[in-house]
N, C-alpha and C. Protein backbone atom coordinates (compact mmCIF):
# COMPACT_ATOMS: atom_id res chain seq x y z
N MET A 1 -106.31 -48.47 -10.17
CA MET A 1 -106.31 -47.52 -9.07
C MET A 1 -104.89 -47.00 -8.85
N LYS A 2 -104.75 -45.68 -8.83
CA LYS A 2 -103.44 -45.05 -8.63
C LYS A 2 -103.00 -45.19 -7.17
N LYS A 3 -101.69 -45.38 -6.99
CA LYS A 3 -101.12 -45.48 -5.65
C LYS A 3 -100.33 -44.22 -5.36
N VAL A 4 -100.62 -43.61 -4.21
CA VAL A 4 -100.03 -42.33 -3.83
C VAL A 4 -99.20 -42.46 -2.56
N MET A 5 -98.01 -41.87 -2.58
CA MET A 5 -97.15 -41.78 -1.39
C MET A 5 -97.04 -40.31 -1.00
N PHE A 6 -97.45 -39.99 0.23
CA PHE A 6 -97.22 -38.66 0.80
C PHE A 6 -95.97 -38.76 1.67
N VAL A 7 -95.02 -37.87 1.45
CA VAL A 7 -93.77 -37.94 2.21
C VAL A 7 -93.43 -36.58 2.79
N CYS A 8 -92.87 -36.61 4.00
CA CYS A 8 -92.49 -35.42 4.74
C CYS A 8 -91.18 -35.73 5.47
N LYS A 9 -90.72 -34.77 6.24
CA LYS A 9 -89.48 -35.01 6.99
C LYS A 9 -89.67 -36.10 8.03
N LYS A 10 -90.72 -35.96 8.86
CA LYS A 10 -90.88 -36.87 10.01
C LYS A 10 -92.12 -37.74 9.94
N ASN A 11 -93.01 -37.51 8.97
CA ASN A 11 -94.26 -38.29 8.89
C ASN A 11 -95.04 -38.21 10.21
N SER A 12 -95.16 -36.98 10.72
CA SER A 12 -95.88 -36.83 11.98
C SER A 12 -97.03 -35.82 11.94
N ARG A 13 -97.04 -34.93 10.93
CA ARG A 13 -98.09 -33.92 10.88
C ARG A 13 -98.71 -33.81 9.47
N ARG A 14 -98.08 -33.08 8.57
CA ARG A 14 -98.67 -32.80 7.25
C ARG A 14 -98.96 -34.06 6.45
N SER A 15 -98.00 -34.96 6.37
CA SER A 15 -98.21 -36.18 5.58
C SER A 15 -99.25 -37.08 6.22
N GLN A 16 -99.37 -37.03 7.55
CA GLN A 16 -100.42 -37.80 8.23
C GLN A 16 -101.79 -37.22 7.92
N MET A 17 -101.90 -35.88 7.89
CA MET A 17 -103.16 -35.25 7.50
C MET A 17 -103.53 -35.66 6.08
N ALA A 18 -102.55 -35.60 5.18
CA ALA A 18 -102.79 -35.94 3.78
C ALA A 18 -103.25 -37.39 3.65
N GLU A 19 -102.60 -38.29 4.39
CA GLU A 19 -102.99 -39.70 4.35
C GLU A 19 -104.44 -39.86 4.82
N GLY A 20 -104.78 -39.21 5.92
CA GLY A 20 -106.14 -39.30 6.46
C GLY A 20 -107.19 -38.78 5.49
N PHE A 21 -106.93 -37.59 4.91
CA PHE A 21 -107.88 -37.03 3.94
C PHE A 21 -107.98 -37.91 2.70
N ALA A 22 -106.84 -38.38 2.19
CA ALA A 22 -106.84 -39.16 0.96
C ALA A 22 -107.54 -40.50 1.15
N LYS A 23 -107.34 -41.13 2.30
CA LYS A 23 -108.02 -42.40 2.56
C LYS A 23 -109.53 -42.21 2.66
N THR A 24 -109.94 -41.09 3.25
CA THR A 24 -111.36 -40.82 3.44
C THR A 24 -112.01 -40.33 2.15
N LEU A 25 -111.43 -39.30 1.55
CA LEU A 25 -112.02 -38.67 0.36
C LEU A 25 -111.77 -39.48 -0.91
N GLY A 26 -110.70 -40.28 -0.91
CA GLY A 26 -110.35 -41.04 -2.10
C GLY A 26 -110.66 -42.51 -1.99
N GLU A 27 -111.46 -42.88 -1.00
CA GLU A 27 -111.78 -44.30 -0.78
C GLU A 27 -112.36 -44.92 -2.05
N GLY A 28 -111.77 -46.02 -2.48
CA GLY A 28 -112.21 -46.69 -3.68
C GLY A 28 -111.68 -46.07 -4.97
N LYS A 29 -110.96 -44.93 -4.85
CA LYS A 29 -110.44 -44.23 -6.03
C LYS A 29 -108.92 -44.30 -6.11
N ILE A 30 -108.26 -44.14 -4.96
CA ILE A 30 -106.79 -44.19 -4.91
C ILE A 30 -106.37 -45.01 -3.69
N ALA A 31 -105.15 -45.54 -3.77
CA ALA A 31 -104.55 -46.23 -2.62
C ALA A 31 -103.49 -45.30 -2.05
N VAL A 32 -103.37 -45.25 -0.73
CA VAL A 32 -102.57 -44.21 -0.08
C VAL A 32 -101.63 -44.77 0.98
N SER A 33 -100.40 -44.21 1.01
CA SER A 33 -99.45 -44.45 2.09
C SER A 33 -98.82 -43.11 2.44
N SER A 34 -98.21 -43.05 3.62
CA SER A 34 -97.40 -41.87 3.94
C SER A 34 -96.15 -42.35 4.65
N SER A 35 -95.10 -41.53 4.56
CA SER A 35 -93.83 -41.87 5.19
C SER A 35 -93.03 -40.61 5.43
N GLY A 36 -91.89 -40.79 6.10
CA GLY A 36 -91.01 -39.66 6.37
C GLY A 36 -89.57 -40.01 6.03
N LEU A 37 -88.79 -38.97 5.79
CA LEU A 37 -87.36 -39.20 5.58
C LEU A 37 -86.78 -39.81 6.86
N ASP A 38 -87.34 -39.39 8.00
CA ASP A 38 -87.00 -39.97 9.30
C ASP A 38 -88.29 -40.46 9.93
N LYS A 39 -88.24 -41.62 10.57
CA LYS A 39 -89.41 -42.12 11.30
C LYS A 39 -89.54 -41.31 12.60
N SER A 40 -90.75 -41.01 12.97
CA SER A 40 -91.01 -40.22 14.17
C SER A 40 -92.23 -40.81 14.87
N GLN A 41 -93.17 -39.97 15.26
CA GLN A 41 -94.44 -40.43 15.79
C GLN A 41 -95.50 -39.44 15.35
N VAL A 42 -96.74 -39.89 15.32
CA VAL A 42 -97.83 -39.02 14.90
C VAL A 42 -98.09 -38.00 16.02
N ASP A 43 -98.08 -36.73 15.65
CA ASP A 43 -98.28 -35.64 16.58
C ASP A 43 -99.71 -35.67 17.13
N PRO A 44 -99.88 -35.72 18.47
CA PRO A 44 -101.23 -35.75 19.06
C PRO A 44 -102.11 -34.57 18.61
N MET A 45 -101.50 -33.41 18.38
CA MET A 45 -102.30 -32.26 17.92
C MET A 45 -102.82 -32.49 16.50
N THR A 46 -102.08 -33.24 15.71
CA THR A 46 -102.54 -33.58 14.36
C THR A 46 -103.74 -34.51 14.45
N VAL A 47 -103.67 -35.49 15.34
CA VAL A 47 -104.80 -36.41 15.56
C VAL A 47 -106.03 -35.60 15.98
N GLU A 48 -105.83 -34.65 16.90
CA GLU A 48 -106.94 -33.82 17.39
C GLU A 48 -107.51 -32.96 16.26
N ALA A 49 -106.63 -32.34 15.47
CA ALA A 49 -107.08 -31.46 14.38
C ALA A 49 -107.91 -32.25 13.36
N MET A 50 -107.49 -33.46 13.06
CA MET A 50 -108.22 -34.27 12.09
C MET A 50 -109.54 -34.77 12.68
N SER A 51 -109.57 -35.07 13.99
CA SER A 51 -110.81 -35.54 14.61
C SER A 51 -111.86 -34.43 14.59
N GLU A 52 -111.44 -33.18 14.58
CA GLU A 52 -112.37 -32.05 14.51
C GLU A 52 -113.20 -32.07 13.22
N VAL A 53 -112.63 -32.68 12.17
CA VAL A 53 -113.36 -32.76 10.89
C VAL A 53 -113.84 -34.19 10.63
N GLY A 54 -113.91 -34.98 11.69
CA GLY A 54 -114.51 -36.30 11.60
C GLY A 54 -113.62 -37.38 10.99
N ILE A 55 -112.30 -37.16 10.98
CA ILE A 55 -111.39 -38.17 10.44
C ILE A 55 -110.48 -38.67 11.57
N ASP A 56 -110.55 -39.96 11.83
CA ASP A 56 -109.78 -40.58 12.91
C ASP A 56 -108.47 -41.13 12.34
N ILE A 57 -107.35 -40.50 12.71
CA ILE A 57 -106.04 -40.99 12.26
C ILE A 57 -105.25 -41.56 13.44
N SER A 58 -105.95 -41.85 14.54
CA SER A 58 -105.25 -42.31 15.75
C SER A 58 -104.55 -43.65 15.56
N ASN A 59 -104.95 -44.42 14.54
CA ASN A 59 -104.28 -45.70 14.29
C ASN A 59 -103.16 -45.60 13.26
N GLN A 60 -102.97 -44.43 12.67
CA GLN A 60 -101.88 -44.25 11.71
C GLN A 60 -100.55 -44.20 12.47
N THR A 61 -99.50 -44.68 11.82
CA THR A 61 -98.18 -44.67 12.44
C THR A 61 -97.18 -43.98 11.52
N SER A 62 -96.10 -43.50 12.12
CA SER A 62 -95.02 -42.88 11.35
C SER A 62 -94.13 -43.99 10.80
N LYS A 63 -93.84 -43.90 9.50
CA LYS A 63 -93.06 -44.94 8.83
C LYS A 63 -91.92 -44.31 8.04
N PRO A 64 -90.75 -44.94 8.00
CA PRO A 64 -89.65 -44.39 7.20
C PRO A 64 -89.84 -44.70 5.71
N LEU A 65 -89.46 -43.76 4.86
CA LEU A 65 -89.57 -43.93 3.42
C LEU A 65 -88.82 -45.18 2.96
N SER A 66 -87.76 -45.52 3.65
CA SER A 66 -86.93 -46.67 3.27
C SER A 66 -87.69 -48.00 3.36
N ASP A 67 -88.86 -48.01 4.03
CA ASP A 67 -89.68 -49.22 4.12
C ASP A 67 -90.47 -49.48 2.84
N PHE A 68 -90.45 -48.53 1.90
CA PHE A 68 -91.29 -48.61 0.71
C PHE A 68 -90.45 -48.67 -0.57
N ASN A 69 -91.08 -49.19 -1.64
CA ASN A 69 -90.43 -49.33 -2.93
C ASN A 69 -91.03 -48.29 -3.89
N PRO A 70 -90.23 -47.37 -4.45
CA PRO A 70 -90.79 -46.32 -5.31
C PRO A 70 -91.56 -46.86 -6.51
N GLU A 71 -91.17 -48.03 -7.03
CA GLU A 71 -91.85 -48.59 -8.20
C GLU A 71 -93.29 -48.98 -7.90
N ASP A 72 -93.65 -49.06 -6.62
CA ASP A 72 -95.01 -49.42 -6.23
C ASP A 72 -95.98 -48.23 -6.30
N TYR A 73 -95.47 -47.03 -6.60
CA TYR A 73 -96.30 -45.82 -6.53
C TYR A 73 -96.36 -45.08 -7.86
N ASP A 74 -97.54 -44.52 -8.15
CA ASP A 74 -97.75 -43.72 -9.35
C ASP A 74 -97.50 -42.24 -9.08
N ALA A 75 -97.81 -41.81 -7.85
CA ALA A 75 -97.70 -40.40 -7.50
C ALA A 75 -96.95 -40.27 -6.17
N VAL A 76 -96.04 -39.30 -6.13
CA VAL A 76 -95.30 -39.00 -4.90
C VAL A 76 -95.51 -37.52 -4.61
N ILE A 77 -96.00 -37.24 -3.41
CA ILE A 77 -96.27 -35.87 -2.99
C ILE A 77 -95.42 -35.55 -1.77
N SER A 78 -94.52 -34.59 -1.92
CA SER A 78 -93.76 -34.07 -0.78
C SER A 78 -94.55 -32.91 -0.21
N LEU A 79 -94.67 -32.86 1.10
CA LEU A 79 -95.46 -31.78 1.72
C LEU A 79 -94.59 -30.72 2.38
N CYS A 80 -93.28 -30.89 2.32
CA CYS A 80 -92.44 -30.01 3.13
C CYS A 80 -91.28 -29.39 2.36
N GLY A 81 -91.26 -29.53 1.06
CA GLY A 81 -90.11 -29.04 0.32
C GLY A 81 -88.94 -29.99 0.42
N CYS A 82 -89.20 -31.23 0.87
CA CYS A 82 -88.09 -32.19 1.05
C CYS A 82 -87.81 -32.97 -0.22
N GLY A 83 -88.49 -32.61 -1.31
CA GLY A 83 -88.27 -33.29 -2.57
C GLY A 83 -86.80 -33.33 -2.97
N VAL A 84 -86.08 -32.27 -2.65
CA VAL A 84 -84.65 -32.21 -2.99
C VAL A 84 -83.85 -33.28 -2.26
N ASN A 85 -84.39 -33.79 -1.15
CA ASN A 85 -83.69 -34.80 -0.36
C ASN A 85 -84.14 -36.23 -0.66
N LEU A 86 -85.10 -36.38 -1.56
CA LEU A 86 -85.60 -37.72 -1.87
C LEU A 86 -84.67 -38.43 -2.84
N PRO A 87 -84.53 -39.75 -2.69
CA PRO A 87 -83.76 -40.52 -3.67
C PRO A 87 -84.38 -40.36 -5.06
N GLU A 88 -83.54 -40.37 -6.07
CA GLU A 88 -83.95 -40.15 -7.46
C GLU A 88 -85.16 -40.99 -7.88
N ASP A 89 -85.19 -42.26 -7.47
CA ASP A 89 -86.28 -43.15 -7.89
C ASP A 89 -87.65 -42.63 -7.49
N TRP A 90 -87.71 -41.83 -6.41
CA TRP A 90 -89.00 -41.29 -5.95
C TRP A 90 -89.42 -40.08 -6.78
N LEU A 91 -88.48 -39.41 -7.41
CA LEU A 91 -88.77 -38.17 -8.13
C LEU A 91 -89.27 -38.42 -9.55
N VAL A 92 -89.12 -39.63 -10.06
CA VAL A 92 -89.42 -39.91 -11.47
C VAL A 92 -90.70 -40.73 -11.64
N ARG A 93 -91.58 -40.70 -10.66
CA ARG A 93 -92.87 -41.39 -10.79
C ARG A 93 -93.73 -40.62 -11.78
N GLU A 94 -94.87 -41.16 -12.13
CA GLU A 94 -95.79 -40.53 -13.08
C GLU A 94 -96.16 -39.10 -12.65
N VAL A 95 -96.39 -38.92 -11.35
CA VAL A 95 -96.70 -37.60 -10.80
C VAL A 95 -95.75 -37.35 -9.63
N PHE A 96 -95.09 -36.19 -9.63
CA PHE A 96 -94.33 -35.74 -8.46
C PHE A 96 -94.69 -34.29 -8.21
N GLU A 97 -95.10 -34.00 -6.98
CA GLU A 97 -95.42 -32.62 -6.60
C GLU A 97 -94.77 -32.33 -5.25
N ASP A 98 -94.35 -31.09 -5.08
CA ASP A 98 -93.77 -30.64 -3.82
C ASP A 98 -94.62 -29.48 -3.31
N TRP A 99 -95.49 -29.76 -2.33
CA TRP A 99 -96.47 -28.78 -1.90
C TRP A 99 -95.90 -27.70 -0.97
N GLN A 100 -94.80 -27.98 -0.30
CA GLN A 100 -94.13 -27.00 0.57
C GLN A 100 -95.08 -26.28 1.53
N LEU A 101 -95.78 -27.05 2.34
CA LEU A 101 -96.69 -26.48 3.33
C LEU A 101 -95.98 -26.24 4.66
N GLN A 102 -96.44 -25.24 5.39
CA GLN A 102 -95.87 -24.90 6.70
C GLN A 102 -95.98 -26.08 7.66
N ASP A 103 -94.93 -26.32 8.42
CA ASP A 103 -94.97 -27.32 9.48
C ASP A 103 -95.57 -26.67 10.72
N PRO A 104 -96.70 -27.18 11.22
CA PRO A 104 -97.34 -26.56 12.38
C PRO A 104 -96.70 -26.93 13.72
N GLU A 105 -95.63 -27.71 13.71
CA GLU A 105 -95.01 -28.15 14.97
C GLU A 105 -94.74 -26.97 15.90
N GLY A 106 -95.20 -27.11 17.14
CA GLY A 106 -94.95 -26.08 18.15
C GLY A 106 -95.86 -24.87 18.03
N GLU A 107 -96.77 -24.89 17.06
CA GLU A 107 -97.67 -23.75 16.85
C GLU A 107 -99.02 -24.00 17.54
N SER A 108 -99.90 -23.00 17.48
CA SER A 108 -101.23 -23.12 18.09
C SER A 108 -102.12 -24.04 17.25
N MET A 109 -103.22 -24.49 17.85
CA MET A 109 -104.18 -25.32 17.13
C MET A 109 -104.70 -24.59 15.91
N GLU A 110 -104.78 -23.27 15.96
CA GLU A 110 -105.25 -22.49 14.81
C GLU A 110 -104.35 -22.70 13.59
N VAL A 111 -103.04 -22.80 13.81
CA VAL A 111 -102.11 -23.06 12.71
C VAL A 111 -102.32 -24.47 12.16
N TYR A 112 -102.54 -25.44 13.05
CA TYR A 112 -102.84 -26.80 12.61
C TYR A 112 -104.09 -26.80 11.72
N ARG A 113 -105.10 -26.02 12.12
CA ARG A 113 -106.35 -25.97 11.33
C ARG A 113 -106.11 -25.35 9.96
N THR A 114 -105.28 -24.32 9.91
CA THR A 114 -104.96 -23.67 8.64
C THR A 114 -104.25 -24.65 7.71
N VAL A 115 -103.25 -25.35 8.24
CA VAL A 115 -102.51 -26.33 7.44
C VAL A 115 -103.45 -27.46 7.01
N ARG A 116 -104.32 -27.89 7.93
CA ARG A 116 -105.29 -28.94 7.62
C ARG A 116 -106.16 -28.54 6.42
N ALA A 117 -106.63 -27.30 6.40
CA ALA A 117 -107.47 -26.81 5.29
C ALA A 117 -106.68 -26.81 3.98
N GLN A 118 -105.41 -26.41 4.04
CA GLN A 118 -104.57 -26.41 2.83
C GLN A 118 -104.33 -27.83 2.32
N VAL A 119 -104.08 -28.74 3.25
CA VAL A 119 -103.86 -30.15 2.87
C VAL A 119 -105.13 -30.70 2.23
N LYS A 120 -106.29 -30.46 2.85
CA LYS A 120 -107.55 -31.00 2.32
C LYS A 120 -107.79 -30.50 0.89
N GLU A 121 -107.61 -29.21 0.68
CA GLU A 121 -107.84 -28.62 -0.65
C GLU A 121 -106.94 -29.28 -1.70
N ARG A 122 -105.68 -29.47 -1.36
CA ARG A 122 -104.74 -30.06 -2.32
C ARG A 122 -105.01 -31.54 -2.55
N VAL A 123 -105.41 -32.25 -1.49
CA VAL A 123 -105.73 -33.67 -1.63
C VAL A 123 -106.96 -33.83 -2.53
N GLU A 124 -107.97 -32.98 -2.34
CA GLU A 124 -109.17 -33.04 -3.20
C GLU A 124 -108.80 -32.85 -4.67
N LYS A 125 -107.92 -31.89 -4.94
CA LYS A 125 -107.48 -31.64 -6.32
C LYS A 125 -106.68 -32.83 -6.85
N LEU A 126 -105.81 -33.38 -6.02
CA LEU A 126 -105.00 -34.54 -6.43
C LEU A 126 -105.90 -35.71 -6.81
N ILE A 127 -106.89 -36.01 -5.97
CA ILE A 127 -107.81 -37.13 -6.25
C ILE A 127 -108.52 -36.88 -7.58
N ALA A 128 -108.99 -35.65 -7.78
CA ALA A 128 -109.67 -35.32 -9.04
C ALA A 128 -108.73 -35.50 -10.24
N ASP A 129 -107.48 -35.08 -10.10
CA ASP A 129 -106.50 -35.19 -11.19
C ASP A 129 -106.14 -36.65 -11.50
N LEU A 130 -106.14 -37.50 -10.48
CA LEU A 130 -105.71 -38.88 -10.66
C LEU A 130 -106.84 -39.84 -11.09
N THR A 131 -108.09 -39.37 -10.95
CA THR A 131 -109.19 -40.31 -11.21
C THR A 131 -110.08 -39.93 -12.38
């Protein structure tokens, strides 16, 4: 089973959505974690946006990338264009992708929904590619 790390700046919105979708859609197929370059907190609007599609991420927490070991992961996905700021060891995994999705922070729920749809589509493709 492939292990996937989703990483973002704060691990509060996009990477949390990706973790929620990957755990739900990839259950039994991939193992999933998410983290941020900086630890923050999960955005309540992100929790709400995910609950709209039947995925409960209210128990997910924001975690710093420094808590994880890159050798434990097969795939690393940056969601914010922060790949340039990642330590080298994270960039040389079997799969590295930088999705560069819009940060919905401070935007309307409609923007959260748009980003959520983009994250879901990419997570579905990632699961298919890895399994």
